[in-house]
């Protein structure tokens, strides 16, 4: 588990080679735990501060702001190794890594556009494309002969 996470950071700019399903899942699990710890820690601080000071609105606001800032910093630090991991994982599953532009780029562009919230069809399309991207990430490795 720790070995896979160390590899995740060591392969920061490694867009060559492959990554196994287990490497993907360990990184996914550890990152999920990290975000949960951030949420619990800053949410807990906000609740305790709100009860002790009696100012729930100010306490939640400050703690939430700090929590969001820490999460954004971690997200920015981990975005390149995550893309690199996905790139290698697609290759390991036998899918051209450039397909990431469709499975993650198209949904990102659509979500950022003003049509995303207006049309259920666009939201459904984003969901379907995202599911396809996730399925590719969890596909078994192709035999390399």
C-alpha atoms as a PDB file:
ATOM      1  CA  UNK A   1       0.000   0.000   0.000  1.00  0.00           C
ATOM      2  CA  UNK A   2       2.678   2.489   1.042  1.00  0.00           C
ATOM      3  CA  UNK A   3       4.915   1.267  -1.789  1.00  0.00           C
ATOM      4  CA  UNK A   4       2.198   2.024  -4.357  1.00  0.00           C
ATOM      5  CA  UNK A   5       1.705   5.501  -2.895  1.00  0.00           C
ATOM      6  CA  UNK A   6       5.448   6.196  -2.949  1.00  0.00           C
ATOM      7  CA  UNK A   7       5.497   5.086  -6.596  1.00  0.00           C
ATOM      8  CA  UNK A   8       2.621   7.476  -7.270  1.00  0.00           C
ATOM      9  CA  UNK A   9       4.782  10.414  -6.156  1.00  0.00           C
ATOM     10  CA  UNK A  10       8.016   9.077  -7.692  1.00  0.00           C
ATOM     11  CA  UNK A  11       6.280   8.786 -11.070  1.00  0.00           C
ATOM     12  CA  UNK A  12       5.180  12.432 -10.925  1.00  0.00           C
ATOM     13  CA  UNK A  13       6.003  13.141 -14.582  1.00  0.00           C
ATOM     14  CA  UNK A  14       6.218   9.543 -15.829  1.00  0.00           C
ATOM     15  CA  UNK A  15       3.817   9.241 -18.750  1.00  0.00           C
ATOM     16  CA  UNK A  16       5.518   6.115 -20.121  1.00  0.00           C
ATOM     17  CA  UNK A  17       5.052   2.509 -19.106  1.00  0.00           C
ATOM     18  CA  UNK A  18       2.039   1.031 -17.367  1.00  0.00           C
ATOM     19  CA  UNK A  19       0.324   1.005 -13.954  1.00  0.00           C
ATOM     20  CA  UNK A  20      -1.500  -1.970 -12.513  1.00  0.00           C
ATOM     21  CA  UNK A  21      -5.028  -1.994 -11.164  1.00  0.00           C
ATOM     22  CA  UNK A  22      -3.693  -2.513  -7.649  1.00  0.00           C
ATOM     23  CA  UNK A  23      -1.482   0.573  -7.973  1.00  0.00           C
ATOM     24  CA  UNK A  24      -4.519   2.590  -9.097  1.00  0.00           C
ATOM     25  CA  UNK A  25      -6.751   1.299  -6.273  1.00  0.00           C
ATOM     26  CA  UNK A  26      -4.168   1.847  -3.516  1.00  0.00           C
ATOM     27  CA  UNK A  27      -3.620   5.437  -4.629  1.00  0.00           C
ATOM     28  CA  UNK A  28      -7.384   5.952  -4.940  1.00  0.00           C
ATOM     29  CA  UNK A  29      -7.922   4.585  -1.391  1.00  0.00           C
ATOM     30  CA  UNK A  30      -5.127   6.614   0.191  1.00  0.00           C
ATOM     31  CA  UNK A  31      -6.234   9.839  -1.521  1.00  0.00           C
ATOM     32  CA  UNK A  32      -9.814   9.210  -0.385  1.00  0.00           C
ATOM     33  CA  UNK A  33      -8.602   8.709   3.194  1.00  0.00           C
ATOM     34  CA  UNK A  34      -6.536  11.911   3.014  1.00  0.00           C
ATOM     35  CA  UNK A  35      -9.535  13.948   1.827  1.00  0.00           C
ATOM     36  CA  UNK A  36     -11.734  12.345   4.521  1.00  0.00           C
ATOM     37  CA  UNK A  37      -9.187  13.278   7.188  1.00  0.00           C
ATOM     38  CA  UNK A  38      -9.131  16.865   5.896  1.00  0.00           C
ATOM     39  CA  UNK A  39     -12.926  17.021   5.986  1.00  0.00           C
ATOM     40  CA  UNK A  40     -13.211  15.479   9.466  1.00  0.00           C
ATOM     41  CA  UNK A  41     -10.383  17.532  10.929  1.00  0.00           C
ATOM     42  CA  UNK A  42     -11.580  20.897   9.710  1.00  0.00           C
ATOM     43  CA  UNK A  43     -15.240  20.028  10.206  1.00  0.00           C
ATOM     44  CA  UNK A  44     -14.466  18.905  13.760  1.00  0.00           C
ATOM     45  CA  UNK A  45     -12.531  22.093  14.469  1.00  0.00           C
ATOM     46  CA  UNK A  46     -15.470  24.121  13.169  1.00  0.00           C
ATOM     47  CA  UNK A  47     -17.986  22.268  15.364  1.00  0.00           C
ATOM     48  CA  UNK A  48     -15.860  22.515  18.520  1.00  0.00           C
ATOM     49  CA  UNK A  49     -15.133  26.196  17.902  1.00  0.00           C
ATOM     50  CA  UNK A  50     -18.791  26.923  17.219  1.00  0.00           C
ATOM     51  CA  UNK A  51     -19.888  25.277  20.472  1.00  0.00           C
ATOM     52  CA  UNK A  52     -17.213  26.917  22.600  1.00  0.00           C
ATOM     53  CA  UNK A  53     -17.555  30.427  21.185  1.00  0.00           C
ATOM     54  CA  UNK A  54     -21.243  30.445  20.364  1.00  0.00           C
ATOM     55  CA  UNK A  55     -20.513  31.896  16.928  1.00  0.00           C
ATOM     56  CA  UNK A  56     -21.391  29.088  14.550  1.00  0.00           C
ATOM     57  CA  UNK A  57     -21.470  31.213  11.427  1.00  0.00           C
ATOM     58  CA  UNK A  58     -17.964  32.652  11.898  1.00  0.00           C
ATOM     59  CA  UNK A  59     -16.433  29.396  13.143  1.00  0.00           C
ATOM     60  CA  UNK A  60     -17.757  27.293  10.302  1.00  0.00           C
ATOM     61  CA  UNK A  61     -16.709  29.899   7.775  1.00  0.00           C
ATOM     62  CA  UNK A  62     -13.095  30.149   8.923  1.00  0.00           C
ATOM     63  CA  UNK A  63     -12.610  26.399   9.419  1.00  0.00           C
ATOM     64  CA  UNK A  64     -14.279  25.655   6.094  1.00  0.00           C
ATOM     65  CA  UNK A  65     -12.060  28.197   4.362  1.00  0.00           C
ATOM     66  CA  UNK A  66      -8.914  26.666   5.860  1.00  0.00           C
ATOM     67  CA  UNK A  67     -10.124  23.146   5.030  1.00  0.00           C
ATOM     68  CA  UNK A  68     -10.929  24.064   1.443  1.00  0.00           C
ATOM     69  CA  UNK A  69      -7.556  25.808   1.068  1.00  0.00           C
ATOM     70  CA  UNK A  70      -5.674  22.734   2.331  1.00  0.00           C
ATOM     71  CA  UNK A  71      -7.691  20.441   0.040  1.00  0.00           C
ATOM     72  CA  UNK A  72      -7.028  22.695  -2.957  1.00  0.00           C
ATOM     73  CA  UNK A  73      -3.293  22.749  -2.199  1.00  0.00           C
ATOM     74  CA  UNK A  74      -3.231  18.950  -1.995  1.00  0.00           C
ATOM     75  CA  UNK A  75      -5.296  18.692  -5.187  1.00  0.00           C
ATOM     76  CA  UNK A  76      -2.899  20.990  -7.043  1.00  0.00           C
ATOM     77  CA  UNK A  77       0.105  19.024  -5.783  1.00  0.00           C
ATOM     78  CA  UNK A  78      -1.409  15.686  -6.820  1.00  0.00           C
ATOM     79  CA  UNK A  79      -3.052  16.570 -10.139  1.00  0.00           C
ATOM     80  CA  UNK A  80      -0.028  15.874 -12.362  1.00  0.00           C
ATOM     81  CA  UNK A  81       0.833  12.496 -10.781  1.00  0.00           C
ATOM     82  CA  UNK A  82      -2.867  11.570 -10.966  1.00  0.00           C
ATOM     83  CA  UNK A  83      -3.018  12.363 -14.681  1.00  0.00           C
ATOM     84  CA  UNK A  84       0.231  10.460 -15.153  1.00  0.00           C
ATOM     85  CA  UNK A  85      -1.197   7.463 -13.244  1.00  0.00           C
ATOM     86  CA  UNK A  86      -4.372   7.533 -15.356  1.00  0.00           C
ATOM     87  CA  UNK A  87      -2.267   7.807 -18.519  1.00  0.00           C
ATOM     88  CA  UNK A  88      -0.252   4.694 -17.574  1.00  0.00           C
ATOM     89  CA  UNK A  89      -3.391   2.876 -16.392  1.00  0.00           C
ATOM     90  CA  UNK A  90      -5.155   3.444 -19.730  1.00  0.00           C
ATOM     91  CA  UNK A  91      -2.088   2.074 -21.523  1.00  0.00           C
ATOM     92  CA  UNK A  92      -2.017  -0.973 -19.211  1.00  0.00           C
ATOM     93  CA  UNK A  93      -5.701  -1.632 -19.975  1.00  0.00           C
ATOM     94  CA  UNK A  94      -4.957  -1.549 -23.707  1.00  0.00           C
ATOM     95  CA  UNK A  95      -6.629   1.812 -24.379  1.00  0.00           C
ATOM     96  CA  UNK A  96      -4.761   4.679 -25.988  1.00  0.00           C
ATOM     97  CA  UNK A  97      -3.918   7.162 -23.233  1.00  0.00           C
ATOM     98  CA  UNK A  98      -5.046  10.011 -25.468  1.00  0.00           C
ATOM     99  CA  UNK A  99      -8.590   8.784 -24.866  1.00  0.00           C
ATOM    100  CA  UNK A 100      -8.228  10.611 -21.521  1.00  0.00           C
ATOM    101  CA  UNK A 101      -8.940  13.807 -23.440  1.00  0.00           C
ATOM    102  CA  UNK A 102     -12.404  12.443 -24.192  1.00  0.00           C
ATOM    103  CA  UNK A 103     -13.185  10.718 -20.895  1.00  0.00           C
ATOM    104  CA  UNK A 104     -11.944  13.527 -18.656  1.00  0.00           C
ATOM    105  CA  UNK A 105     -11.450  16.550 -20.909  1.00  0.00           C
ATOM    106  CA  UNK A 106     -14.913  16.603 -22.473  1.00  0.00           C
ATOM    107  CA  UNK A 107     -16.748  16.326 -19.114  1.00  0.00           C
ATOM    108  CA  UNK A 108     -14.526  19.062 -17.640  1.00  0.00           C
ATOM    109  CA  UNK A 109     -15.279  21.408 -20.539  1.00  0.00           C
ATOM    110  CA  UNK A 110     -19.001  20.629 -20.457  1.00  0.00           C
ATOM    111  CA  UNK A 111     -19.213  21.102 -16.681  1.00  0.00           C
ATOM    112  CA  UNK A 112     -17.466  24.432 -17.024  1.00  0.00           C
ATOM    113  CA  UNK A 113     -19.820  25.622 -19.733  1.00  0.00           C
ATOM    114  CA  UNK A 114     -23.124  27.369 -19.207  1.00  0.00           C
ATOM    115  CA  UNK A 115     -25.064  24.569 -20.945  1.00  0.00           C
ATOM    116  CA  UNK A 116     -24.277  21.950 -18.285  1.00  0.00           C
ATOM    117  CA  UNK A 117     -26.876  23.184 -15.800  1.00  0.00           C
ATOM    118  CA  UNK A 118     -29.479  23.914 -18.464  1.00  0.00           C
ATOM    119  CA  UNK A 119     -29.800  20.551 -20.203  1.00  0.00           C
ATOM    120  CA  UNK A 120     -30.330  17.149 -18.634  1.00  0.00           C
ATOM    121  CA  UNK A 121     -29.054  15.552 -21.846  1.00  0.00           C
ATOM    122  CA  UNK A 122     -25.662  17.232 -21.367  1.00  0.00           C
ATOM    123  CA  UNK A 123     -25.534  16.087 -17.726  1.00  0.00           C
ATOM    124  CA  UNK A 124     -26.413  12.546 -18.823  1.00  0.00           C
ATOM    125  CA  UNK A 125     -23.704  12.635 -21.494  1.00  0.00           C
ATOM    126  CA  UNK A 126     -21.131  13.769 -18.918  1.00  0.00           C
ATOM    127  CA  UNK A 127     -22.216  10.959 -16.574  1.00  0.00           C
ATOM    128  CA  UNK A 128     -21.947   8.317 -19.320  1.00  0.00           C
ATOM    129  CA  UNK A 129     -18.519   9.535 -20.467  1.00  0.00           C
ATOM    130  CA  UNK A 130     -17.298   9.622 -16.839  1.00  0.00           C
ATOM    131  CA  UNK A 131     -18.523   6.064 -16.238  1.00  0.00           C
ATOM    132  CA  UNK A 132     -16.696   4.910 -19.376  1.00  0.00           C
ATOM    133  CA  UNK A 133     -13.514   6.571 -18.079  1.00  0.00           C
ATOM    134  CA  UNK A 134     -13.867   4.845 -14.713  1.00  0.00           C
ATOM    135  CA  UNK A 135     -14.499   1.465 -16.365  1.00  0.00           C
ATOM    136  CA  UNK A 136     -11.286   1.870 -18.363  1.00  0.00           C
ATOM    137  CA  UNK A 137      -9.366   2.615 -15.147  1.00  0.00           C
ATOM    138  CA  UNK A 138     -10.571  -0.613 -13.517  1.00  0.00           C
ATOM    139  CA  UNK A 139     -10.222  -2.870 -16.580  1.00  0.00           C
ATOM    140  CA  UNK A 140      -7.829  -5.803 -16.250  1.00  0.00           C
ATOM    141  CA  UNK A 141      -4.325  -5.445 -17.605  1.00  0.00           C
ATOM    142  CA  UNK A 142      -3.690  -6.544 -21.174  1.00  0.00           C
ATOM    143  CA  UNK A 143      -1.210  -9.356 -21.664  1.00  0.00           C
ATOM    144  CA  UNK A 144       2.095  -7.987 -22.929  1.00  0.00           C
ATOM    145  CA  UNK A 145       3.584 -10.646 -25.216  1.00  0.00           C
END
